[in-house]
Amino acid sequence: MEPPTTSAIVEALTRAIVEHRLQPGTKLAEQKLADHFGVSRTLVRQALFQLSQNQLIRLEPARGAFVATPSVNEARQVFAVRRMLEAEMTRAFVRSVTPARIRALKEHVAREKLAVEQQVVSVRNELLGDFHVRMAELMGNEVLAQMLGDLVSRCSLITLMYQNAGAAEHSHDEHLLIVKALAAKDEETAVRLMTEHLQHVEESLTFDRKQPVNDISMALS
């Protein structure tokens, strides 16, 4: 059997983090990972660097790699900003809505539904976050799309780690209702649904953590 590639190591570690098998703050020892995967430490180092670019882990000089520990306060602030920003975005979307834009949003939520049903955690969460960015893109507002993309990224790790499958399914259902209100050009309902949706996502995050798993092999098995 061939040894895993860098991308396979990245995928295995991502799944272990997302599925709560590796908890925030867990130290990821290079040698232990190399032994577990049967690869060189160089390959492990490349995988850890990629994960740090995705903000799933943090690399500390002379200390090594650790599963990222997102700030709860930061998450609260990000959601507060998103509620303000996205309420106005929803108003603007309703006022400039077209059948083509509604079709594009319906296609997006159909992809969400598939990812939720197939339980592809990383794809599911990415699509659920991208729904909001997609609205800005469809309006042709690149500045708003970029700002929203940054905000969504800042809370994506928190959503990945602390949102359960049930809450993700609920998010998808709420996206469907938002699209329905947008299609009906019901501004008041669309804004209310968007605000409530972001509130529900924030409320669905569970921040009480178990003790980190120290046995990497056990967490990855």
N, C-alpha and C. Protein backbone atom coordinates (compact mmCIF):
# COMPACT_ATOMS: atom_id res chain seq x y z
N MET A 1 0.84 -1.19 0.00
CA MET A 1 0.00 0.00 0.00
C MET A 1 0.88 1.25 0.00
N GLU A 2 0.53 2.22 -0.87
CA GLU A 2 1.34 3.43 -0.96
C GLU A 2 1.08 4.34 0.23
N PRO A 3 2.12 5.05 0.70
CA PRO A 3 1.92 5.97 1.83
C PRO A 3 1.01 7.13 1.40
N PRO A 4 0.27 7.73 2.34
CA PRO A 4 -0.66 8.80 1.98
C PRO A 4 0.07 10.05 1.49
N THR A 5 -0.63 10.83 0.68
CA THR A 5 -0.09 12.10 0.17
C THR A 5 -0.35 13.19 1.20
N THR A 6 0.24 14.36 0.94
CA THR A 6 0.00 15.52 1.83
C THR A 6 -1.49 15.81 1.94
N SER A 7 -2.20 15.80 0.78
CA SER A 7 -3.63 16.13 0.80
C SER A 7 -4.44 15.10 1.59
N ALA A 8 -4.01 13.83 1.56
CA ALA A 8 -4.71 12.79 2.33
C ALA A 8 -4.52 13.02 3.83
N ILE A 9 -3.32 13.46 4.22
CA ILE A 9 -3.05 13.76 5.64
C ILE A 9 -3.87 14.97 6.08
N VAL A 10 -3.93 15.98 5.21
CA VAL A 10 -4.73 17.18 5.50
C VAL A 10 -6.19 16.79 5.70
N GLU A 11 -6.72 15.94 4.81
CA GLU A 11 -8.12 15.51 4.88
C GLU A 11 -8.38 14.72 6.17
N ALA A 12 -7.46 13.81 6.52
CA ALA A 12 -7.64 12.99 7.73
C ALA A 12 -7.65 13.85 8.99
N LEU A 13 -6.73 14.81 9.06
CA LEU A 13 -6.66 15.69 10.23
C LEU A 13 -7.86 16.63 10.28
N THR A 14 -8.28 17.12 9.11
CA THR A 14 -9.45 18.00 9.05
C THR A 14 -10.68 17.28 9.60
N ARG A 15 -10.87 16.04 9.15
CA ARG A 15 -12.03 15.26 9.61
C ARG A 15 -11.97 15.02 11.12
N ALA A 16 -10.76 14.73 11.63
CA ALA A 16 -10.61 14.48 13.07
C ALA A 16 -10.95 15.73 13.88
N ILE A 17 -10.60 16.91 13.34
CA ILE A 17 -10.91 18.17 14.03
C ILE A 17 -12.41 18.47 13.94
N VAL A 18 -12.94 18.37 12.72
CA VAL A 18 -14.35 18.69 12.47
C VAL A 18 -15.29 17.75 13.23
N GLU A 19 -14.89 16.49 13.33
CA GLU A 19 -15.75 15.50 14.00
C GLU A 19 -15.48 15.40 15.50
N HIS A 20 -14.78 16.41 16.02
CA HIS A 20 -14.56 16.55 17.47
C HIS A 20 -13.67 15.46 18.07
N ARG A 21 -12.92 14.74 17.23
CA ARG A 21 -12.03 13.71 17.78
C ARG A 21 -10.71 14.34 18.23
N LEU A 22 -10.32 15.44 17.61
CA LEU A 22 -9.18 16.23 18.08
C LEU A 22 -9.74 17.57 18.54
N GLN A 23 -9.59 17.83 19.82
CA GLN A 23 -10.20 19.02 20.40
C GLN A 23 -9.28 20.25 20.30
N PRO A 24 -9.85 21.47 20.44
CA PRO A 24 -9.04 22.68 20.43
C PRO A 24 -7.91 22.61 21.46
N GLY A 25 -6.74 23.06 21.05
CA GLY A 25 -5.59 23.08 21.96
C GLY A 25 -4.75 21.81 21.94
N THR A 26 -5.23 20.75 21.27
CA THR A 26 -4.46 19.49 21.22
C THR A 26 -3.15 19.70 20.45
N LYS A 27 -2.05 19.24 21.05
CA LYS A 27 -0.75 19.34 20.38
C LYS A 27 -0.62 18.26 19.32
N LEU A 28 -0.16 18.65 18.14
CA LEU A 28 0.01 17.70 17.04
C LEU A 28 1.52 17.47 16.83
N ALA A 29 2.03 16.44 17.48
CA ALA A 29 3.47 16.16 17.41
C ALA A 29 3.84 15.59 16.04
N GLU A 30 4.82 16.20 15.40
CA GLU A 30 5.22 15.78 14.05
C GLU A 30 5.61 14.31 13.98
N GLN A 31 6.43 13.86 14.94
CA GLN A 31 6.91 12.47 14.90
C GLN A 31 5.77 11.48 15.07
N LYS A 32 4.84 11.78 15.99
CA LYS A 32 3.68 10.90 16.20
C LYS A 32 2.85 10.79 14.93
N LEU A 33 2.65 11.93 14.25
CA LEU A 33 1.88 11.93 13.01
C LEU A 33 2.61 11.16 11.91
N ALA A 34 3.92 11.38 11.83
CA ALA A 34 4.73 10.68 10.83
C ALA A 34 4.65 9.17 11.05
N ASP A 35 4.74 8.73 12.31
CA ASP A 35 4.64 7.30 12.65
C ASP A 35 3.25 6.75 12.30
N HIS A 36 2.23 7.53 12.63
CA HIS A 36 0.85 7.09 12.40
C HIS A 36 0.58 6.89 10.90
N PHE A 37 1.03 7.86 10.08
CA PHE A 37 0.75 7.79 8.64
C PHE A 37 1.81 7.02 7.86
N GLY A 38 2.93 6.72 8.52
CA GLY A 38 4.01 6.00 7.84
C GLY A 38 4.68 6.84 6.77
N VAL A 39 4.88 8.13 7.09
CA VAL A 39 5.51 9.05 6.13
C VAL A 39 6.63 9.83 6.83
N SER A 40 7.34 10.65 6.05
CA SER A 40 8.41 11.47 6.62
C SER A 40 7.83 12.68 7.35
N ARG A 41 8.66 13.25 8.25
CA ARG A 41 8.22 14.45 8.96
C ARG A 41 8.06 15.63 8.01
N THR A 42 8.80 15.60 6.89
CA THR A 42 8.70 16.69 5.89
C THR A 42 7.28 16.75 5.32
N LEU A 43 6.72 15.56 5.02
CA LEU A 43 5.36 15.49 4.48
C LEU A 43 4.34 15.97 5.52
N VAL A 44 4.58 15.56 6.76
CA VAL A 44 3.70 15.99 7.87
C VAL A 44 3.75 17.51 8.01
N ARG A 45 4.98 18.06 7.92
CA ARG A 45 5.17 19.51 8.06
C ARG A 45 4.40 20.27 6.97
N GLN A 46 4.43 19.72 5.75
CA GLN A 46 3.69 20.34 4.64
C GLN A 46 2.18 20.34 4.92
N ALA A 47 1.70 19.22 5.45
CA ALA A 47 0.27 19.10 5.77
C ALA A 47 -0.12 20.08 6.88
N LEU A 48 0.73 20.19 7.90
CA LEU A 48 0.45 21.11 9.01
C LEU A 48 0.45 22.56 8.53
N PHE A 49 1.35 22.87 7.60
CA PHE A 49 1.39 24.23 7.05
C PHE A 49 0.08 24.55 6.32
N GLN A 50 -0.39 23.58 5.52
CA GLN A 50 -1.67 23.78 4.80
C GLN A 50 -2.82 24.01 5.77
N LEU A 51 -2.84 23.22 6.84
CA LEU A 51 -3.91 23.35 7.84
C LEU A 51 -3.84 24.70 8.56
N SER A 52 -2.61 25.22 8.71
CA SER A 52 -2.47 26.53 9.35
C SER A 52 -2.97 27.63 8.42
N GLN A 53 -2.80 27.43 7.09
CA GLN A 53 -3.33 28.38 6.11
C GLN A 53 -4.86 28.40 6.16
N ASN A 54 -5.45 27.23 6.45
CA ASN A 54 -6.92 27.12 6.56
C ASN A 54 -7.42 27.53 7.94
N GLN A 55 -6.47 27.94 8.81
CA GLN A 55 -6.77 28.39 10.18
C GLN A 55 -7.38 27.30 11.06
N LEU A 56 -7.13 26.03 10.69
CA LEU A 56 -7.59 24.93 11.53
C LEU A 56 -6.59 24.63 12.65
N ILE A 57 -5.32 24.95 12.40
CA ILE A 57 -4.31 24.77 13.44
C ILE A 57 -3.46 26.04 13.52
N ARG A 58 -2.73 26.18 14.64
CA ARG A 58 -1.78 27.29 14.75
C ARG A 58 -0.39 26.71 14.96
N LEU A 59 0.58 27.31 14.29
CA LEU A 59 1.98 26.90 14.41
C LEU A 59 2.69 27.89 15.33
N GLU A 60 3.30 27.37 16.38
CA GLU A 60 4.02 28.24 17.33
C GLU A 60 5.51 27.94 17.27
N PRO A 61 6.34 28.98 17.05
CA PRO A 61 7.79 28.78 16.98
C PRO A 61 8.31 28.08 18.24
N ALA A 62 9.13 27.06 18.04
CA ALA A 62 9.77 26.28 19.10
C ALA A 62 8.81 25.46 19.96
N ARG A 63 7.51 25.57 19.68
CA ARG A 63 6.54 24.78 20.47
C ARG A 63 5.83 23.74 19.62
N GLY A 64 5.63 24.04 18.32
CA GLY A 64 4.99 23.07 17.44
C GLY A 64 3.61 23.47 16.98
N ALA A 65 2.82 22.46 16.59
CA ALA A 65 1.49 22.69 16.02
C ALA A 65 0.40 22.31 17.02
N PHE A 66 -0.65 23.12 17.07
CA PHE A 66 -1.78 22.88 17.97
C PHE A 66 -3.08 23.09 17.21
N VAL A 67 -4.10 22.30 17.56
CA VAL A 67 -5.43 22.54 16.99
C VAL A 67 -5.86 23.93 17.44
N ALA A 68 -6.36 24.75 16.50
CA ALA A 68 -6.73 26.13 16.81
C ALA A 68 -7.81 26.20 17.88
N THR A 69 -7.73 27.24 18.69
CA THR A 69 -8.73 27.49 19.73
C THR A 69 -9.41 28.82 19.41
N PRO A 70 -10.53 28.78 18.72
CA PRO A 70 -11.18 30.03 18.32
C PRO A 70 -11.71 30.79 19.53
N SER A 71 -11.72 32.12 19.43
CA SER A 71 -12.22 32.98 20.50
C SER A 71 -13.74 33.08 20.43
N VAL A 72 -14.39 32.81 21.55
CA VAL A 72 -15.86 32.90 21.63
C VAL A 72 -16.29 34.36 21.45
N ASN A 73 -15.54 35.29 22.07
CA ASN A 73 -15.86 36.71 21.94
C ASN A 73 -15.82 37.18 20.50
N GLU A 74 -14.80 36.71 19.78
CA GLU A 74 -14.67 37.08 18.37
C GLU A 74 -15.88 36.58 17.59
N ALA A 75 -16.30 35.35 17.88
CA ALA A 75 -17.47 34.78 17.19
C ALA A 75 -18.70 35.64 17.43
N ARG A 76 -18.91 36.05 18.68
CA ARG A 76 -20.08 36.88 19.01
C ARG A 76 -20.04 38.20 18.23
N GLN A 77 -18.85 38.81 18.17
CA GLN A 77 -18.69 40.09 17.47
C GLN A 77 -18.93 39.94 15.97
N VAL A 78 -18.40 38.85 15.41
CA VAL A 78 -18.56 38.60 13.97
C VAL A 78 -20.05 38.45 13.64
N PHE A 79 -20.77 37.69 14.45
CA PHE A 79 -22.20 37.49 14.18
C PHE A 79 -22.98 38.80 14.33
N ALA A 80 -22.58 39.65 15.29
CA ALA A 80 -23.25 40.95 15.47
C ALA A 80 -23.07 41.81 14.22
N VAL A 81 -21.84 41.84 13.69
CA VAL A 81 -21.56 42.61 12.47
C VAL A 81 -22.33 42.03 11.29
N ARG A 82 -22.35 40.70 11.19
CA ARG A 82 -23.05 40.05 10.07
C ARG A 82 -24.54 40.38 10.09
N ARG A 83 -25.14 40.39 11.29
CA ARG A 83 -26.59 40.71 11.36
C ARG A 83 -26.85 42.11 10.81
N MET A 84 -26.00 43.07 11.19
CA MET A 84 -26.17 44.45 10.71
C MET A 84 -26.02 44.53 9.19
N LEU A 85 -24.95 43.91 8.71
CA LEU A 85 -24.59 43.98 7.29
C LEU A 85 -25.60 43.24 6.42
N GLU A 86 -25.98 42.03 6.85
CA GLU A 86 -26.81 41.18 6.01
C GLU A 86 -28.28 41.58 6.00
N ALA A 87 -28.72 42.30 7.02
CA ALA A 87 -30.09 42.82 7.00
C ALA A 87 -30.22 43.81 5.84
N GLU A 88 -29.23 44.70 5.72
CA GLU A 88 -29.26 45.70 4.64
C GLU A 88 -29.04 45.04 3.28
N MET A 89 -28.18 44.03 3.24
CA MET A 89 -27.95 43.31 1.98
C MET A 89 -29.25 42.67 1.50
N THR A 90 -30.00 42.08 2.44
CA THR A 90 -31.26 41.41 2.09
C THR A 90 -32.26 42.42 1.52
N ARG A 91 -32.34 43.61 2.15
CA ARG A 91 -33.22 44.67 1.63
C ARG A 91 -32.85 45.00 0.18
N ALA A 92 -31.54 45.22 -0.04
CA ALA A 92 -31.06 45.60 -1.37
C ALA A 92 -31.32 44.49 -2.39
N PHE A 93 -31.17 43.23 -1.95
CA PHE A 93 -31.39 42.10 -2.85
C PHE A 93 -32.85 42.06 -3.31
N VAL A 94 -33.78 42.24 -2.36
CA VAL A 94 -35.21 42.22 -2.70
C VAL A 94 -35.53 43.31 -3.73
N ARG A 95 -34.93 44.48 -3.55
CA ARG A 95 -35.24 45.63 -4.42
C ARG A 95 -34.66 45.48 -5.82
N SER A 96 -33.70 44.56 -5.97
CA SER A 96 -33.10 44.38 -7.31
C SER A 96 -33.20 42.92 -7.77
N VAL A 97 -34.16 42.19 -7.20
CA VAL A 97 -34.28 40.76 -7.48
C VAL A 97 -34.67 40.50 -8.94
N THR A 98 -34.11 39.40 -9.50
CA THR A 98 -34.45 38.97 -10.86
C THR A 98 -34.65 37.45 -10.83
N PRO A 99 -35.40 36.91 -11.80
CA PRO A 99 -35.59 35.45 -11.85
C PRO A 99 -34.25 34.69 -11.93
N ALA A 100 -33.27 35.26 -12.64
CA ALA A 100 -31.97 34.59 -12.79
C ALA A 100 -31.26 34.49 -11.43
N ARG A 101 -31.35 35.55 -10.63
CA ARG A 101 -30.70 35.54 -9.30
C ARG A 101 -31.36 34.51 -8.38
N ILE A 102 -32.68 34.42 -8.45
CA ILE A 102 -33.40 33.43 -7.64
C ILE A 102 -33.03 32.02 -8.08
N ARG A 103 -32.93 31.81 -9.40
CA ARG A 103 -32.52 30.50 -9.92
C ARG A 103 -31.15 30.10 -9.38
N ALA A 104 -30.22 31.05 -9.40
CA ALA A 104 -28.85 30.79 -8.92
C ALA A 104 -28.84 30.42 -7.44
N LEU A 105 -29.66 31.12 -6.64
CA LEU A 105 -29.74 30.82 -5.21
C LEU A 105 -30.38 29.45 -4.97
N LYS A 106 -31.39 29.11 -5.77
CA LYS A 106 -32.05 27.80 -5.65
C LYS A 106 -31.07 26.67 -5.99
N GLU A 107 -30.24 26.90 -6.99
CA GLU A 107 -29.22 25.91 -7.34
C GLU A 107 -28.24 25.71 -6.19
N HIS A 108 -27.88 26.82 -5.53
CA HIS A 108 -26.94 26.75 -4.40
C HIS A 108 -27.54 25.94 -3.24
N VAL A 109 -28.80 26.24 -2.90
CA VAL A 109 -29.41 25.51 -1.77
C VAL A 109 -29.64 24.04 -2.10
N ALA A 110 -29.79 23.72 -3.38
CA ALA A 110 -29.91 22.31 -3.79
C ALA A 110 -28.60 21.57 -3.51
N ARG A 111 -27.46 22.25 -3.74
CA ARG A 111 -26.15 21.66 -3.44
C ARG A 111 -25.96 21.51 -1.92
N GLU A 112 -26.45 22.48 -1.17
CA GLU A 112 -26.42 22.39 0.30
C GLU A 112 -27.15 21.14 0.77
N LYS A 113 -28.36 20.95 0.22
CA LYS A 113 -29.22 19.83 0.62
C LYS A 113 -28.49 18.50 0.43
N LEU A 114 -27.83 18.37 -0.72
CA LEU A 114 -27.09 17.15 -1.05
C LEU A 114 -25.96 16.91 -0.04
N ALA A 115 -25.20 17.97 0.29
CA ALA A 115 -24.09 17.85 1.23
C ALA A 115 -24.58 17.51 2.64
N VAL A 116 -25.73 18.08 3.03
CA VAL A 116 -26.32 17.79 4.34
C VAL A 116 -26.74 16.32 4.40
N GLU A 117 -27.41 15.86 3.33
CA GLU A 117 -27.89 14.47 3.28
C GLU A 117 -26.74 13.47 3.27
N GLN A 118 -25.67 13.81 2.55
CA GLN A 118 -24.53 12.90 2.44
C GLN A 118 -23.56 13.04 3.61
N GLN A 119 -23.84 14.02 4.50
CA GLN A 119 -23.02 14.26 5.70
C GLN A 119 -21.55 14.52 5.35
N VAL A 120 -21.32 15.28 4.27
CA VAL A 120 -19.97 15.70 3.91
C VAL A 120 -19.71 16.99 4.68
N VAL A 121 -19.17 16.85 5.90
CA VAL A 121 -19.12 17.96 6.86
C VAL A 121 -18.43 19.21 6.32
N SER A 122 -17.22 19.05 5.77
CA SER A 122 -16.48 20.23 5.33
C SER A 122 -17.17 20.93 4.16
N VAL A 123 -17.70 20.14 3.21
CA VAL A 123 -18.40 20.72 2.05
C VAL A 123 -19.71 21.37 2.50
N ARG A 124 -20.42 20.68 3.39
CA ARG A 124 -21.70 21.19 3.92
C ARG A 124 -21.51 22.58 4.54
N ASN A 125 -20.54 22.70 5.43
CA ASN A 125 -20.34 23.97 6.14
C ASN A 125 -19.86 25.07 5.21
N GLU A 126 -19.05 24.68 4.23
CA GLU A 126 -18.56 25.66 3.26
C GLU A 126 -19.73 26.22 2.44
N LEU A 127 -20.62 25.33 1.98
CA LEU A 127 -21.77 25.78 1.19
C LEU A 127 -22.73 26.62 2.02
N LEU A 128 -22.95 26.24 3.27
CA LEU A 128 -23.86 27.01 4.14
C LEU A 128 -23.34 28.43 4.35
N GLY A 129 -22.01 28.57 4.48
CA GLY A 129 -21.42 29.90 4.63
C GLY A 129 -21.46 30.67 3.32
N ASP A 130 -21.19 29.96 2.22
CA ASP A 130 -21.12 30.61 0.90
C ASP A 130 -22.47 31.14 0.42
N PHE A 131 -23.56 30.63 0.97
CA PHE A 131 -24.90 31.12 0.59
C PHE A 131 -24.96 32.64 0.73
N HIS A 132 -24.41 33.14 1.83
CA HIS A 132 -24.46 34.57 2.15
C HIS A 132 -23.58 35.38 1.19
N VAL A 133 -22.40 34.84 0.91
CA VAL A 133 -21.48 35.50 -0.03
C VAL A 133 -22.09 35.49 -1.43
N ARG A 134 -22.77 34.40 -1.75
CA ARG A 134 -23.39 34.24 -3.09
C ARG A 134 -24.42 35.34 -3.33
N MET A 135 -25.17 35.70 -2.32
CA MET A 135 -26.16 36.77 -2.46
C MET A 135 -25.48 38.07 -2.89
N ALA A 136 -24.37 38.40 -2.23
CA ALA A 136 -23.63 39.63 -2.56
C ALA A 136 -23.06 39.56 -3.98
N GLU A 137 -22.54 38.39 -4.34
CA GLU A 137 -21.98 38.20 -5.70
C GLU A 137 -23.05 38.41 -6.76
N LEU A 138 -24.23 37.85 -6.52
CA LEU A 138 -25.32 37.94 -7.50
C LEU A 138 -25.80 39.38 -7.67
N MET A 139 -25.62 40.19 -6.63
CA MET A 139 -25.98 41.61 -6.73
C MET A 139 -24.89 42.40 -7.47
N GLY A 140 -23.75 41.74 -7.72
CA GLY A 140 -22.66 42.41 -8.41
C GLY A 140 -21.85 43.33 -7.51
N ASN A 141 -22.00 43.16 -6.18
CA ASN A 141 -21.27 44.02 -5.24
C ASN A 141 -20.02 43.27 -4.74
N GLU A 142 -18.91 43.49 -5.42
CA GLU A 142 -17.68 42.76 -5.11
C GLU A 142 -17.12 43.13 -3.74
N VAL A 143 -17.25 44.40 -3.36
CA VAL A 143 -16.74 44.85 -2.05
C VAL A 143 -17.49 44.14 -0.93
N LEU A 144 -18.81 44.09 -1.04
CA LEU A 144 -19.64 43.41 -0.04
C LEU A 144 -19.34 41.92 -0.01
N ALA A 145 -19.18 41.32 -1.19
CA ALA A 145 -18.88 39.88 -1.27
C ALA A 145 -17.56 39.57 -0.57
N GLN A 146 -16.57 40.44 -0.76
CA GLN A 146 -15.26 40.23 -0.13
C GLN A 146 -15.35 40.41 1.39
N MET A 147 -16.05 41.44 1.82
CA MET A 147 -16.23 41.69 3.26
C MET A 147 -16.94 40.52 3.93
N LEU A 148 -18.02 40.07 3.29
CA LEU A 148 -18.78 38.94 3.84
C LEU A 148 -17.94 37.66 3.85
N GLY A 149 -17.16 37.48 2.77
CA GLY A 149 -16.28 36.30 2.70
C GLY A 149 -15.32 36.27 3.87
N ASP A 150 -14.74 37.43 4.20
CA ASP A 150 -13.82 37.53 5.34
C ASP A 150 -14.52 37.22 6.65
N LEU A 151 -15.72 37.77 6.81
CA LEU A 151 -16.49 37.55 8.05
C LEU A 151 -16.88 36.08 8.20
N VAL A 152 -17.32 35.48 7.08
CA VAL A 152 -17.71 34.06 7.10
C VAL A 152 -16.50 33.19 7.44
N SER A 153 -15.35 33.52 6.86
CA SER A 153 -14.12 32.76 7.14
C SER A 153 -13.74 32.84 8.61
N ARG A 154 -13.92 34.01 9.21
CA ARG A 154 -13.51 34.21 10.61
C ARG A 154 -14.33 33.35 11.57
N CYS A 155 -15.56 33.02 11.17
CA CYS A 155 -16.34 32.16 12.09
C CYS A 155 -16.52 30.74 11.54
N SER A 156 -15.85 30.43 10.40
CA SER A 156 -16.04 29.11 9.80
C SER A 156 -15.49 27.98 10.66
N LEU A 157 -14.34 28.21 11.28
CA LEU A 157 -13.76 27.17 12.14
C LEU A 157 -14.66 26.92 13.34
N ILE A 158 -15.21 27.99 13.90
CA ILE A 158 -16.11 27.86 15.05
C ILE A 158 -17.35 27.08 14.64
N THR A 159 -17.89 27.40 13.46
CA THR A 159 -19.07 26.67 12.97
C THR A 159 -18.72 25.21 12.71
N LEU A 160 -17.56 24.98 12.06
CA LEU A 160 -17.10 23.62 11.79
C LEU A 160 -17.02 22.80 13.08
N MET A 161 -16.45 23.42 14.11
CA MET A 161 -16.18 22.67 15.34
C MET A 161 -17.39 22.53 16.25
N TYR A 162 -18.23 23.54 16.28
CA TYR A 162 -19.25 23.58 17.33
C TYR A 162 -20.69 23.48 16.86
N GLN A 163 -20.91 23.34 15.52
CA GLN A 163 -22.28 23.19 15.05
C GLN A 163 -22.54 21.73 14.74
N ASN A 164 -23.63 21.20 15.26
CA ASN A 164 -23.93 19.78 15.00
C ASN A 164 -24.72 19.63 13.69
N ALA A 165 -24.87 18.39 13.25
CA ALA A 165 -25.52 18.10 11.97
C ALA A 165 -26.96 18.60 11.95
N GLY A 166 -27.65 18.47 13.09
CA GLY A 166 -29.04 18.93 13.19
C GLY A 166 -29.16 20.41 12.94
N ALA A 167 -28.24 21.18 13.54
CA ALA A 167 -28.24 22.65 13.37
C ALA A 167 -27.92 23.02 11.93
N ALA A 168 -27.01 22.25 11.30
CA ALA A 168 -26.65 22.51 9.90
C ALA A 168 -27.87 22.29 9.00
N GLU A 169 -28.62 21.22 9.29
CA GLU A 169 -29.84 20.92 8.52
C GLU A 169 -30.85 22.05 8.68
N HIS A 170 -30.95 22.57 9.91
CA HIS A 170 -31.87 23.67 10.21
C HIS A 170 -31.46 24.92 9.43
N SER A 171 -30.13 25.17 9.33
CA SER A 171 -29.61 26.30 8.56
C SER A 171 -30.05 26.21 7.10
N HIS A 172 -29.93 25.01 6.56
CA HIS A 172 -30.33 24.79 5.16
C HIS A 172 -31.83 25.09 4.98
N ASP A 173 -32.66 24.61 5.91
CA ASP A 173 -34.11 24.85 5.84
C ASP A 173 -34.41 26.34 5.88
N GLU A 174 -33.65 27.08 6.70
CA GLU A 174 -33.86 28.53 6.81
C GLU A 174 -33.43 29.24 5.53
N HIS A 175 -32.38 28.75 4.89
CA HIS A 175 -31.97 29.32 3.60
C HIS A 175 -33.10 29.18 2.57
N LEU A 176 -33.76 28.03 2.58
CA LEU A 176 -34.89 27.80 1.66
C LEU A 176 -36.00 28.83 1.88
N LEU A 177 -36.32 29.10 3.15
CA LEU A 177 -37.36 30.08 3.49
C LEU A 177 -36.96 31.49 3.06
N ILE A 178 -35.67 31.82 3.24
CA ILE A 178 -35.17 33.14 2.83
C ILE A 178 -35.32 33.31 1.32
N VAL A 179 -34.94 32.28 0.56
CA VAL A 179 -35.04 32.34 -0.91
C VAL A 179 -36.50 32.51 -1.33
N LYS A 180 -37.40 31.83 -0.63
CA LYS A 180 -38.84 31.93 -0.93
C LYS A 180 -39.34 33.37 -0.73
N ALA A 181 -38.90 33.99 0.37
CA ALA A 181 -39.31 35.38 0.65
C ALA A 181 -38.68 36.35 -0.37
N LEU A 182 -37.44 36.08 -0.77
CA LEU A 182 -36.78 36.92 -1.78
C LEU A 182 -37.51 36.83 -3.11
N ALA A 183 -37.88 35.61 -3.48
CA ALA A 183 -38.59 35.38 -4.75
C ALA A 183 -39.94 36.10 -4.76
N ALA A 184 -40.58 36.15 -3.58
CA ALA A 184 -41.89 36.81 -3.45
C ALA A 184 -41.76 38.32 -3.31
N LYS A 185 -40.51 38.81 -3.27
CA LYS A 185 -40.20 40.24 -3.07
C LYS A 185 -40.81 40.77 -1.77
N ASP A 186 -40.85 39.90 -0.76
CA ASP A 186 -41.38 40.26 0.56
C ASP A 186 -40.21 40.73 1.43
N GLU A 187 -39.93 42.02 1.34
CA GLU A 187 -38.74 42.59 1.99
C GLU A 187 -38.75 42.39 3.51
N GLU A 188 -39.87 42.71 4.13
CA GLU A 188 -39.97 42.63 5.60
C GLU A 188 -39.71 41.21 6.09
N THR A 189 -40.35 40.23 5.46
CA THR A 189 -40.19 38.83 5.87
C THR A 189 -38.76 38.35 5.60
N ALA A 190 -38.20 38.71 4.44
CA ALA A 190 -36.84 38.28 4.09
C ALA A 190 -35.82 38.80 5.10
N VAL A 191 -35.94 40.07 5.47
CA VAL A 191 -35.00 40.67 6.45
C VAL A 191 -35.16 40.00 7.82
N ARG A 192 -36.41 39.77 8.23
CA ARG A 192 -36.66 39.11 9.53
C ARG A 192 -36.08 37.70 9.53
N LEU A 193 -36.31 36.95 8.44
CA LEU A 193 -35.81 35.57 8.35
C LEU A 193 -34.28 35.53 8.38
N MET A 194 -33.63 36.46 7.67
CA MET A 194 -32.16 36.50 7.64
C MET A 194 -31.59 36.80 9.04
N THR A 195 -32.18 37.79 9.72
CA THR A 195 -31.72 38.17 11.06
C THR A 195 -31.90 37.01 12.04
N GLU A 196 -33.08 36.38 11.99
CA GLU A 196 -33.36 35.24 12.88
C GLU A 196 -32.43 34.07 12.56
N HIS A 197 -32.17 33.87 11.28
CA HIS A 197 -31.30 32.77 10.85
C HIS A 197 -29.90 32.92 11.45
N LEU A 198 -29.32 34.11 11.35
CA LEU A 198 -27.97 34.34 11.90
C LEU A 198 -27.97 34.19 13.43
N GLN A 199 -29.06 34.60 14.05
CA GLN A 199 -29.20 34.44 15.50
C GLN A 199 -29.24 32.96 15.87
N HIS A 200 -29.99 32.19 15.08
CA HIS A 200 -30.11 30.74 15.33
C HIS A 200 -28.76 30.04 15.16
N VAL A 201 -27.99 30.43 14.11
CA VAL A 201 -26.68 29.82 13.89
C VAL A 201 -25.79 30.07 15.11
N GLU A 202 -25.79 31.32 15.58
CA GLU A 202 -24.96 31.65 16.75
C GLU A 202 -25.41 30.86 17.99
N GLU A 203 -26.73 30.76 18.18
CA GLU A 203 -27.27 30.05 19.36
C GLU A 203 -27.01 28.55 19.28
N SER A 204 -26.81 28.03 18.06
CA SER A 204 -26.61 26.58 17.89
C SER A 204 -25.18 26.13 18.21
N LEU A 205 -24.27 27.09 18.40
CA LEU A 205 -22.88 26.73 18.66
C LEU A 205 -22.72 26.33 20.12
N THR A 206 -22.08 25.20 20.33
CA THR A 206 -21.87 24.67 21.68
C THR A 206 -20.40 24.85 22.05
N PHE A 207 -20.15 25.72 23.03
CA PHE A 207 -18.76 26.06 23.34
C PHE A 207 -18.16 25.28 24.51
N ASP A 208 -18.98 24.49 25.22
CA ASP A 208 -18.39 23.71 26.33
C ASP A 208 -17.66 22.52 25.73
N ARG A 209 -16.38 22.43 26.04
CA ARG A 209 -15.52 21.45 25.38
C ARG A 209 -15.16 20.29 26.30
N LYS A 210 -14.99 19.12 25.68
CA LYS A 210 -14.43 17.97 26.42
C LYS A 210 -12.92 18.18 26.51
N GLN A 211 -12.29 17.35 27.35
CA GLN A 211 -10.83 17.41 27.42
C GLN A 211 -10.24 16.96 26.09
N PRO A 212 -9.16 17.61 25.63
CA PRO A 212 -8.54 17.21 24.37
C PRO A 212 -8.07 15.76 24.38
N VAL A 213 -8.17 15.12 23.23
CA VAL A 213 -7.65 13.77 23.08
C VAL A 213 -6.14 13.88 22.84
N ASN A 214 -5.36 13.23 23.68
CA ASN A 214 -3.90 13.34 23.53
C ASN A 214 -3.32 12.25 22.65
N ASP A 215 -4.07 11.16 22.48
CA ASP A 215 -3.58 10.05 21.67
C ASP A 215 -3.98 10.28 20.21
N ILE A 216 -3.02 10.74 19.39
CA ILE A 216 -3.30 11.07 18.00
C ILE A 216 -3.82 9.85 17.23
N SER A 217 -3.20 8.69 17.45
CA SER A 217 -3.62 7.47 16.73
C SER A 217 -5.09 7.14 17.02
N MET A 218 -5.47 7.31 18.30
CA MET A 218 -6.86 7.01 18.69
C MET A 218 -7.81 8.01 18.03
N ALA A 219 -7.40 9.27 17.98
CA ALA A 219 -8.26 10.31 17.40
C ALA A 219 -8.41 10.14 15.89
N LEU A 220 -7.37 9.62 15.24
CA LEU A 220 -7.41 9.48 13.78
C LEU A 220 -7.95 8.14 13.31
N SER A 221 -8.12 7.20 14.23
CA SER A 221 -8.56 5.86 13.83
C SER A 221 -10.06 5.86 13.51
